[in-house]
């Protein structure tokens, strides 16, 4: 395995673990399970890619998804907490 392929693999696995960990920040079990299932499905669907451009695109997409999940988790947690305070 070349050093580029190895660094790509390390980056992919790191993003995969970060995405799975980010699921725990979601406020409900349904949302947590969705993030976990979607992450696992996407990882398995793309783990055999060989085209460097497609691999780079998928890694950038995963990074964007991670950012989106973290923002959604923060927003939804705040929303859920605010609605609990009203009652």
PDB file of N, CA and C in Angstrom:
ATOM      1  N   UNK A   1       0.847  -1.172   0.000  1.00  0.00           N
ATOM      2  CA  UNK A   1       0.000   0.000   0.000  1.00  0.00           C
ATOM      3  C   UNK A   1       0.897   1.241   0.000  1.00  0.00           C
ATOM      4  N   UNK A   2       0.620   2.167  -0.897  1.00  0.00           N
ATOM      5  CA  UNK A   2       1.425   3.387  -0.988  1.00  0.00           C
ATOM      6  C   UNK A   2       1.112   4.314   0.185  1.00  0.00           C
ATOM      7  N   UNK A   3       1.974   5.273   0.400  1.00  0.00           N
ATOM      8  CA  UNK A   3       1.762   6.202   1.516  1.00  0.00           C
ATOM      9  C   UNK A   3       0.507   7.056   1.299  1.00  0.00           C
ATOM     10  N   UNK A   4       0.198   7.373   0.035  1.00  0.00           N
ATOM     11  CA  UNK A   4      -1.012   8.138  -0.259  1.00  0.00           C
ATOM     12  C   UNK A   4      -2.246   7.305   0.065  1.00  0.00           C
ATOM     13  N   UNK A   5      -2.228   6.040  -0.356  1.00  0.00           N
ATOM     14  CA  UNK A   5      -3.359   5.164  -0.074  1.00  0.00           C
ATOM     15  C   UNK A   5      -3.517   4.950   1.425  1.00  0.00           C
ATOM     16  N   UNK A   6      -2.414   4.822   2.122  1.00  0.00           N
ATOM     17  CA  UNK A   6      -2.461   4.625   3.566  1.00  0.00           C
ATOM     18  C   UNK A   6      -3.021   5.861   4.258  1.00  0.00           C
ATOM     19  N   UNK A   7      -2.583   7.042   3.852  1.00  0.00           N
ATOM     20  CA  UNK A   7      -3.096   8.263   4.479  1.00  0.00           C
ATOM     21  C   UNK A   7      -4.581   8.463   4.162  1.00  0.00           C
ATOM     22  N   UNK A   8      -5.005   8.071   2.963  1.00  0.00           N
ATOM     23  CA  UNK A   8      -6.413   8.151   2.590  1.00  0.00           C
ATOM     24  C   UNK A   8      -7.233   7.202   3.445  1.00  0.00           C
ATOM     25  N   UNK A   9      -6.710   5.999   3.651  1.00  0.00           N
ATOM     26  CA  UNK A   9      -7.405   5.008   4.487  1.00  0.00           C
ATOM     27  C   UNK A   9      -7.524   5.513   5.924  1.00  0.00           C
ATOM     28  N   UNK A  10      -6.451   6.080   6.447  1.00  0.00           N
ATOM     29  CA  UNK A  10      -6.467   6.612   7.816  1.00  0.00           C
ATOM     30  C   UNK A  10      -7.489   7.742   7.920  1.00  0.00           C
ATOM     31  N   UNK A  11      -7.514   8.608   6.915  1.00  0.00           N
ATOM     32  CA  UNK A  11      -8.478   9.726   6.896  1.00  0.00           C
ATOM     33  C   UNK A  11      -9.913   9.209   6.849  1.00  0.00           C
ATOM     34  N   UNK A  12     -10.155   8.194   6.014  1.00  0.00           N
ATOM     35  CA  UNK A  12     -11.500   7.630   5.888  1.00  0.00           C
ATOM     36  C   UNK A  12     -11.952   6.992   7.196  1.00  0.00           C
ATOM     37  N   UNK A  13     -11.080   6.218   7.817  1.00  0.00           N
ATOM     38  CA  UNK A  13     -11.436   5.576   9.081  1.00  0.00           C
ATOM     39  C   UNK A  13     -11.643   6.602  10.189  1.00  0.00           C
ATOM     40  N   UNK A  14     -10.846   7.644  10.183  1.00  0.00           N
ATOM     41  CA  UNK A  14     -10.998   8.699  11.181  1.00  0.00           C
ATOM     42  C   UNK A  14     -12.355   9.396  11.022  1.00  0.00           C
ATOM     43  N   UNK A  15     -12.717   9.726   9.790  1.00  0.00           N
ATOM     44  CA  UNK A  15     -14.017  10.348   9.538  1.00  0.00           C
ATOM     45  C   UNK A  15     -15.156   9.405   9.924  1.00  0.00           C
ATOM     46  N   UNK A  16     -15.004   8.132   9.626  1.00  0.00           N
ATOM     47  CA  UNK A  16     -16.024   7.133   9.969  1.00  0.00           C
ATOM     48  C   UNK A  16     -16.241   7.118  11.486  1.00  0.00           C
ATOM     49  N   UNK A  17     -15.172   7.068  12.242  1.00  0.00           N
ATOM     50  CA  UNK A  17     -15.284   7.049  13.706  1.00  0.00           C
ATOM     51  C   UNK A  17     -15.883   8.362  14.225  1.00  0.00           C
ATOM     52  N   UNK A  18     -15.471   9.475  13.648  1.00  0.00           N
ATOM     53  CA  UNK A  18     -16.017  10.769  14.078  1.00  0.00           C
ATOM     54  C   UNK A  18     -17.515  10.861  13.801  1.00  0.00           C
ATOM     55  N   UNK A  19     -17.937  10.348  12.652  1.00  0.00           N
ATOM     56  CA  UNK A  19     -19.363  10.357  12.322  1.00  0.00           C
ATOM     57  C   UNK A  19     -20.149   9.490  13.302  1.00  0.00           C
ATOM     58  N   UNK A  20     -19.617   8.317  13.630  1.00  0.00           N
ATOM     59  CA  UNK A  20     -20.304   7.448  14.588  1.00  0.00           C
ATOM     60  C   UNK A  20     -20.372   8.102  15.967  1.00  0.00           C
ATOM     61  N   UNK A  21     -19.292   8.754  16.376  1.00  0.00           N
ATOM     62  CA  UNK A  21     -19.295   9.438  17.672  1.00  0.00           C
ATOM     63  C   UNK A  21     -20.260  10.616  17.673  1.00  0.00           C
ATOM     64  N   UNK A  22     -20.371  11.295  16.547  1.00  0.00           N
ATOM     65  CA  UNK A  22     -21.258  12.463  16.475  1.00  0.00           C
ATOM     66  C   UNK A  22     -22.721  12.054  16.654  1.00  0.00           C
ATOM     67  N   UNK A  23     -23.048  10.822  16.327  1.00  0.00           N
ATOM     68  CA  UNK A  23     -24.427  10.350  16.494  1.00  0.00           C
ATOM     69  C   UNK A  23     -24.858  10.439  17.954  1.00  0.00           C
ATOM     70  N   UNK A  24     -23.930  10.236  18.872  1.00  0.00           N
ATOM     71  CA  UNK A  24     -24.253  10.283  20.304  1.00  0.00           C
ATOM     72  C   UNK A  24     -24.680  11.670  20.752  1.00  0.00           C
ATOM     73  N   UNK A  25     -24.365  12.679  19.957  1.00  0.00           N
ATOM     74  CA  UNK A  25     -24.720  14.050  20.317  1.00  0.00           C
ATOM     75  C   UNK A  25     -26.142  14.411  19.897  1.00  0.00           C
ATOM     76  N   UNK A  26     -26.763  13.556  19.092  1.00  0.00           N
ATOM     77  CA  UNK A  26     -28.141  13.812  18.686  1.00  0.00           C
ATOM     78  C   UNK A  26     -29.062  13.637  19.895  1.00  0.00           C
ATOM     79  N   UNK A  27     -30.137  14.435  19.957  1.00  0.00           N
ATOM     80  CA  UNK A  27     -30.963  14.450  21.162  1.00  0.00           C
ATOM     81  C   UNK A  27     -31.914  13.261  21.340  1.00  0.00           C
ATOM     82  N   UNK A  28     -32.185  12.517  20.279  1.00  0.00           N
ATOM     83  CA  UNK A  28     -33.125  11.398  20.420  1.00  0.00           C
ATOM     84  C   UNK A  28     -32.509  10.109  19.880  1.00  0.00           C
ATOM     85  N   UNK A  29     -32.926   8.973  20.413  1.00  0.00           N
ATOM     86  CA  UNK A  29     -32.418   7.687  19.918  1.00  0.00           C
ATOM     87  C   UNK A  29     -32.701   7.462  18.433  1.00  0.00           C
ATOM     88  N   UNK A  30     -33.840   7.936  17.945  1.00  0.00           N
ATOM     89  CA  UNK A  30     -34.158   7.764  16.518  1.00  0.00           C
ATOM     90  C   UNK A  30     -33.144   8.497  15.640  1.00  0.00           C
ATOM     91  N   UNK A  31     -32.806   9.691  16.017  1.00  0.00           N
ATOM     92  CA  UNK A  31     -31.823  10.470  15.242  1.00  0.00           C
ATOM     93  C   UNK A  31     -30.431   9.860  15.365  1.00  0.00           C
ATOM     94  N   UNK A  32     -30.103   9.387  16.545  1.00  0.00           N
ATOM     95  CA  UNK A  32     -28.810   8.729  16.753  1.00  0.00           C
ATOM     96  C   UNK A  32     -28.698   7.491  15.862  1.00  0.00           C
ATOM     97  N   UNK A  33     -29.744   6.675  15.866  1.00  0.00           N
ATOM     98  CA  UNK A  33     -29.732   5.456  15.051  1.00  0.00           C
ATOM     99  C   UNK A  33     -29.676   5.764  13.564  1.00  0.00           C
ATOM    100  N   UNK A  34     -30.362   6.824  13.147  1.00  0.00           N
ATOM    101  CA  UNK A  34     -30.328   7.196  11.735  1.00  0.00           C
ATOM    102  C   UNK A  34     -28.901   7.544  11.309  1.00  0.00           C
ATOM    103  N   UNK A  35     -28.220   8.355  12.094  1.00  0.00           N
ATOM    104  CA  UNK A  35     -26.854   8.763  11.752  1.00  0.00           C
ATOM    105  C   UNK A  35     -25.942   7.537  11.705  1.00  0.00           C
ATOM    106  N   UNK A  36     -26.077   6.646  12.662  1.00  0.00           N
ATOM    107  CA  UNK A  36     -25.248   5.429  12.684  1.00  0.00           C
ATOM    108  C   UNK A  36     -25.510   4.570  11.452  1.00  0.00           C
ATOM    109  N   UNK A  37     -26.787   4.311  11.170  1.00  0.00           N
ATOM    110  CA  UNK A  37     -27.122   3.466  10.005  1.00  0.00           C
ATOM    111  C   UNK A  37     -26.653   4.091   8.697  1.00  0.00           C
ATOM    112  N   UNK A  38     -26.901   5.392   8.539  1.00  0.00           N
ATOM    113  CA  UNK A  38     -26.510   6.085   7.304  1.00  0.00           C
ATOM    114  C   UNK A  38     -24.991   6.073   7.134  1.00  0.00           C
ATOM    115  N   UNK A  39     -24.263   6.291   8.221  1.00  0.00           N
ATOM    116  CA  UNK A  39     -22.803   6.276   8.172  1.00  0.00           C
ATOM    117  C   UNK A  39     -22.294   4.896   7.764  1.00  0.00           C
ATOM    118  N   UNK A  40     -22.814   3.865   8.390  1.00  0.00           N
ATOM    119  CA  UNK A  40     -22.390   2.502   8.068  1.00  0.00           C
ATOM    120  C   UNK A  40     -22.723   2.147   6.627  1.00  0.00           C
ATOM    121  N   UNK A  41     -23.914   2.509   6.181  1.00  0.00           N
ATOM    122  CA  UNK A  41     -24.340   2.210   4.808  1.00  0.00           C
ATOM    123  C   UNK A  41     -23.441   2.898   3.782  1.00  0.00           C
ATOM    124  N   UNK A  42     -23.176   4.171   3.988  1.00  0.00           N
ATOM    125  CA  UNK A  42     -22.333   4.923   3.053  1.00  0.00           C
ATOM    126  C   UNK A  42     -20.898   4.405   3.051  1.00  0.00           C
ATOM    127  N   UNK A  43     -20.387   4.084   4.231  1.00  0.00           N
ATOM    128  CA  UNK A  43     -19.013   3.576   4.311  1.00  0.00           C
ATOM    129  C   UNK A  43     -18.891   2.254   3.548  1.00  0.00           C
ATOM    130  N   UNK A  44     -19.836   1.361   3.775  1.00  0.00           N
ATOM    131  CA  UNK A  44     -19.786   0.058   3.087  1.00  0.00           C
ATOM    132  C   UNK A  44     -19.977   0.207   1.583  1.00  0.00           C
ATOM    133  N   UNK A  45     -20.820   1.139   1.178  1.00  0.00           N
ATOM    134  CA  UNK A  45     -21.088   1.336  -0.255  1.00  0.00           C
ATOM    135  C   UNK A  45     -19.871   1.887  -0.995  1.00  0.00           C
ATOM    136  N   UNK A  46     -18.989   2.597  -0.284  1.00  0.00           N
ATOM    137  CA  UNK A  46     -17.872   3.261  -0.948  1.00  0.00           C
ATOM    138  C   UNK A  46     -16.502   2.706  -0.566  1.00  0.00           C
ATOM    139  N   UNK A  47     -16.456   1.674   0.227  1.00  0.00           N
ATOM    140  CA  UNK A  47     -15.156   1.188   0.695  1.00  0.00           C
ATOM    141  C   UNK A  47     -14.310   0.531  -0.390  1.00  0.00           C
ATOM    142  N   UNK A  48     -14.883   0.179  -1.517  1.00  0.00           N
ATOM    143  CA  UNK A  48     -14.138  -0.462  -2.605  1.00  0.00           C
ATOM    144  C   UNK A  48     -13.763   0.500  -3.729  1.00  0.00           C
ATOM    145  N   UNK A  49     -13.966   1.789  -3.509  1.00  0.00           N
ATOM    146  CA  UNK A  49     -13.622   2.764  -4.550  1.00  0.00           C
ATOM    147  C   UNK A  49     -12.125   2.739  -4.842  1.00  0.00           C
ATOM    148  N   UNK A  50     -11.792   2.948  -6.118  1.00  0.00           N
ATOM    149  CA  UNK A  50     -10.384   2.989  -6.516  1.00  0.00           C
ATOM    150  C   UNK A  50     -10.007   4.283  -7.234  1.00  0.00           C
ATOM    151  N   UNK A  51     -11.003   5.002  -7.743  1.00  0.00           N
ATOM    152  CA  UNK A  51     -10.746   6.251  -8.452  1.00  0.00           C
ATOM    153  C   UNK A  51     -10.365   7.345  -7.445  1.00  0.00           C
ATOM    154  N   UNK A  52      -9.143   7.875  -7.532  1.00  0.00           N
ATOM    155  CA  UNK A  52      -8.689   8.877  -6.552  1.00  0.00           C
ATOM    156  C   UNK A  52      -9.590  10.122  -6.471  1.00  0.00           C
ATOM    157  N   UNK A  53     -10.124  10.560  -7.592  1.00  0.00           N
ATOM    158  CA  UNK A  53     -10.999  11.734  -7.584  1.00  0.00           C
ATOM    159  C   UNK A  53     -12.306  11.434  -6.857  1.00  0.00           C
ATOM    160  N   UNK A  54     -12.865  10.260  -7.107  1.00  0.00           N
ATOM    161  CA  UNK A  54     -14.110   9.869  -6.442  1.00  0.00           C
ATOM    162  C   UNK A  54     -13.881   9.674  -4.942  1.00  0.00           C
ATOM    163  N   UNK A  55     -12.750   9.093  -4.584  1.00  0.00           N
ATOM    164  CA  UNK A  55     -12.411   8.905  -3.167  1.00  0.00           C
ATOM    165  C   UNK A  55     -12.306  10.264  -2.488  1.00  0.00           C
ATOM    166  N   UNK A  56     -11.600  11.196  -3.123  1.00  0.00           N
ATOM    167  CA  UNK A  56     -11.456  12.533  -2.548  1.00  0.00           C
ATOM    168  C   UNK A  56     -12.809  13.215  -2.402  1.00  0.00           C
ATOM    169  N   UNK A  57     -13.660  13.065  -3.409  1.00  0.00           N
ATOM    170  CA  UNK A  57     -14.999  13.652  -3.341  1.00  0.00           C
ATOM    171  C   UNK A  57     -15.782  13.077  -2.169  1.00  0.00           C
ATOM    172  N   UNK A  58     -15.759  11.751  -2.008  1.00  0.00           N
ATOM    173  CA  UNK A  58     -16.506  11.105  -0.927  1.00  0.00           C
ATOM    174  C   UNK A  58     -15.967  11.515   0.446  1.00  0.00           C
ATOM    175  N   UNK A  59     -14.658  11.689   0.559  1.00  0.00           N
ATOM    176  CA  UNK A  59     -14.084  12.122   1.832  1.00  0.00           C
ATOM    177  C   UNK A  59     -14.503  13.559   2.153  1.00  0.00           C
ATOM    178  N   UNK A  60     -14.507  14.409   1.152  1.00  0.00           N
ATOM    179  CA  UNK A  60     -14.961  15.790   1.373  1.00  0.00           C
ATOM    180  C   UNK A  60     -16.442  15.823   1.738  1.00  0.00           C
ATOM    181  N   UNK A  61     -17.229  14.970   1.084  1.00  0.00           N
ATOM    182  CA  UNK A  61     -18.650  14.875   1.397  1.00  0.00           C
ATOM    183  C   UNK A  61     -18.859  14.395   2.834  1.00  0.00           C
ATOM    184  N   UNK A  62     -18.090  13.410   3.248  1.00  0.00           N
ATOM    185  CA  UNK A  62     -18.191  12.902   4.621  1.00  0.00           C
ATOM    186  C   UNK A  62     -17.823  13.987   5.622  1.00  0.00           C
ATOM    187  N   UNK A  63     -16.816  14.775   5.300  1.00  0.00           N
ATOM    188  CA  UNK A  63     -16.407  15.864   6.184  1.00  0.00           C
ATOM    189  C   UNK A  63     -17.516  16.908   6.300  1.00  0.00           C
ATOM    190  N   UNK A  64     -18.153  17.209   5.192  1.00  0.00           N
ATOM    191  CA  UNK A  64     -19.283  18.144   5.191  1.00  0.00           C
ATOM    192  C   UNK A  64     -20.449  17.573   5.994  1.00  0.00           C
ATOM    193  N   UNK A  65     -20.710  16.281   5.827  1.00  0.00           N
ATOM    194  CA  UNK A  65     -21.784  15.633   6.589  1.00  0.00           C
ATOM    195  C   UNK A  65     -21.500  15.678   8.083  1.00  0.00           C
ATOM    196  N   UNK A  66     -20.252  15.477   8.462  1.00  0.00           N
ATOM    197  CA  UNK A  66     -19.879  15.549   9.876  1.00  0.00           C
ATOM    198  C   UNK A  66     -20.187  16.941  10.426  1.00  0.00           C
ATOM    199  N   UNK A  67     -19.790  17.966   9.703  1.00  0.00           N
ATOM    200  CA  UNK A  67     -20.086  19.333  10.146  1.00  0.00           C
ATOM    201  C   UNK A  67     -21.593  19.555  10.277  1.00  0.00           C
ATOM    202  N   UNK A  68     -22.347  19.064   9.315  1.00  0.00           N
ATOM    203  CA  UNK A  68     -23.805  19.226   9.343  1.00  0.00           C
ATOM    204  C   UNK A  68     -24.425  18.515  10.539  1.00  0.00           C
ATOM    205  N   UNK A  69     -23.966  17.319  10.814  1.00  0.00           N
ATOM    206  CA  UNK A  69     -24.495  16.549  11.948  1.00  0.00           C
ATOM    207  C   UNK A  69     -24.221  17.274  13.252  1.00  0.00           C
ATOM    208  N   UNK A  70     -23.007  17.801  13.403  1.00  0.00           N
ATOM    209  CA  UNK A  70     -22.664  18.503  14.642  1.00  0.00           C
ATOM    210  C   UNK A  70     -23.508  19.764  14.824  1.00  0.00           C
ATOM    211  N   UNK A  71     -23.745  20.499  13.745  1.00  0.00           N
ATOM    212  CA  UNK A  71     -24.577  21.698  13.822  1.00  0.00           C
ATOM    213  C   UNK A  71     -26.023  21.305  14.135  1.00  0.00           C
ATOM    214  N   UNK A  72     -26.528  20.279  13.457  1.00  0.00           N
ATOM    215  CA  UNK A  72     -27.895  19.819  13.719  1.00  0.00           C
ATOM    216  C   UNK A  72     -28.052  19.335  15.153  1.00  0.00           C
ATOM    217  N   UNK A  73     -27.081  18.602  15.639  1.00  0.00           N
ATOM    218  CA  UNK A  73     -27.152  18.080  17.007  1.00  0.00           C
ATOM    219  C   UNK A  73     -27.228  19.219  18.011  1.00  0.00           C
ATOM    220  N   UNK A  74     -26.393  20.231  17.807  1.00  0.00           N
ATOM    221  CA  UNK A  74     -26.412  21.381  18.714  1.00  0.00           C
ATOM    222  C   UNK A  74     -27.748  22.109  18.646  1.00  0.00           C
ATOM    223  N   UNK A  75     -28.215  22.352  17.438  1.00  0.00           N
ATOM    224  CA  UNK A  75     -29.483  23.060  17.247  1.00  0.00           C
ATOM    225  C   UNK A  75     -30.653  22.268  17.828  1.00  0.00           C
ATOM    226  N   UNK A  76     -30.746  20.996  17.503  1.00  0.00           N
ATOM    227  CA  UNK A  76     -31.871  20.184  17.978  1.00  0.00           C
ATOM    228  C   UNK A  76     -31.840  19.993  19.487  1.00  0.00           C
ATOM    229  N   UNK A  77     -30.671  19.852  20.053  1.00  0.00           N
ATOM    230  CA  UNK A  77     -30.565  19.727  21.502  1.00  0.00           C
ATOM    231  C   UNK A  77     -31.068  20.999  22.173  1.00  0.00           C
ATOM    232  N   UNK A  78     -30.658  22.139  21.644  1.00  0.00           N
ATOM    233  CA  UNK A  78     -31.119  23.413  22.190  1.00  0.00           C
ATOM    234  C   UNK A  78     -32.635  23.539  22.033  1.00  0.00           C
ATOM    235  N   UNK A  79     -33.148  23.139  20.879  1.00  0.00           N
ATOM    236  CA  UNK A  79     -34.581  23.205  20.612  1.00  0.00           C
ATOM    237  C   UNK A  79     -35.360  22.311  21.571  1.00  0.00           C
ATOM    238  N   UNK A  80     -34.876  21.077  21.770  1.00  0.00           N
ATOM    239  CA  UNK A  80     -35.538  20.150  22.688  1.00  0.00           C
ATOM    240  C   UNK A  80     -35.494  20.681  24.115  1.00  0.00           C
ATOM    241  N   UNK A  81     -34.373  21.242  24.523  1.00  0.00           N
ATOM    242  CA  UNK A  81     -34.245  21.774  25.883  1.00  0.00           C
ATOM    243  C   UNK A  81     -35.137  22.992  26.085  1.00  0.00           C
ATOM    244  N   UNK A  82     -35.232  23.847  25.075  1.00  0.00           N
ATOM    245  CA  UNK A  82     -36.099  25.022  25.181  1.00  0.00           C
ATOM    246  C   UNK A  82     -37.560  24.620  25.286  1.00  0.00           C
ATOM    247  N   UNK A  83     -37.963  23.614  24.530  1.00  0.00           N
ATOM    248  CA  UNK A  83     -39.366  23.194  24.564  1.00  0.00           C
ATOM    249  C   UNK A  83     -39.703  22.530  25.907  1.00  0.00           C
ATOM    250  N   UNK A  84     -38.742  21.880  26.539  1.00  0.00           N
ATOM    251  CA  UNK A  84     -38.969  21.278  27.856  1.00  0.00           C
ATOM    252  C   UNK A  84     -39.119  22.361  28.918  1.00  0.00           C
ATOM    253  N   UNK A  85     -38.377  23.463  28.758  1.00  0.00           N
ATOM    254  CA  UNK A  85     -38.430  24.548  29.719  1.00  0.00           C
ATOM    255  C   UNK A  85     -39.783  25.271  29.688  1.00  0.00           C
ATOM    256  N   UNK A  86     -40.462  25.200  28.563  1.00  0.00           N
ATOM    257  CA  UNK A  86     -41.748  25.894  28.429  1.00  0.00           C
ATOM    258  C   UNK A  86     -42.847  25.192  29.211  1.00  0.00           C
ATOM    259  N   UNK A  87     -42.668  23.926  29.514  1.00  0.00           N
ATOM    260  CA  UNK A  87     -43.742  23.180  30.193  1.00  0.00           C
ATOM    261  C   UNK A  87     -43.476  23.052  31.617  1.00  0.00           C
TER     262      UNK A  87
END
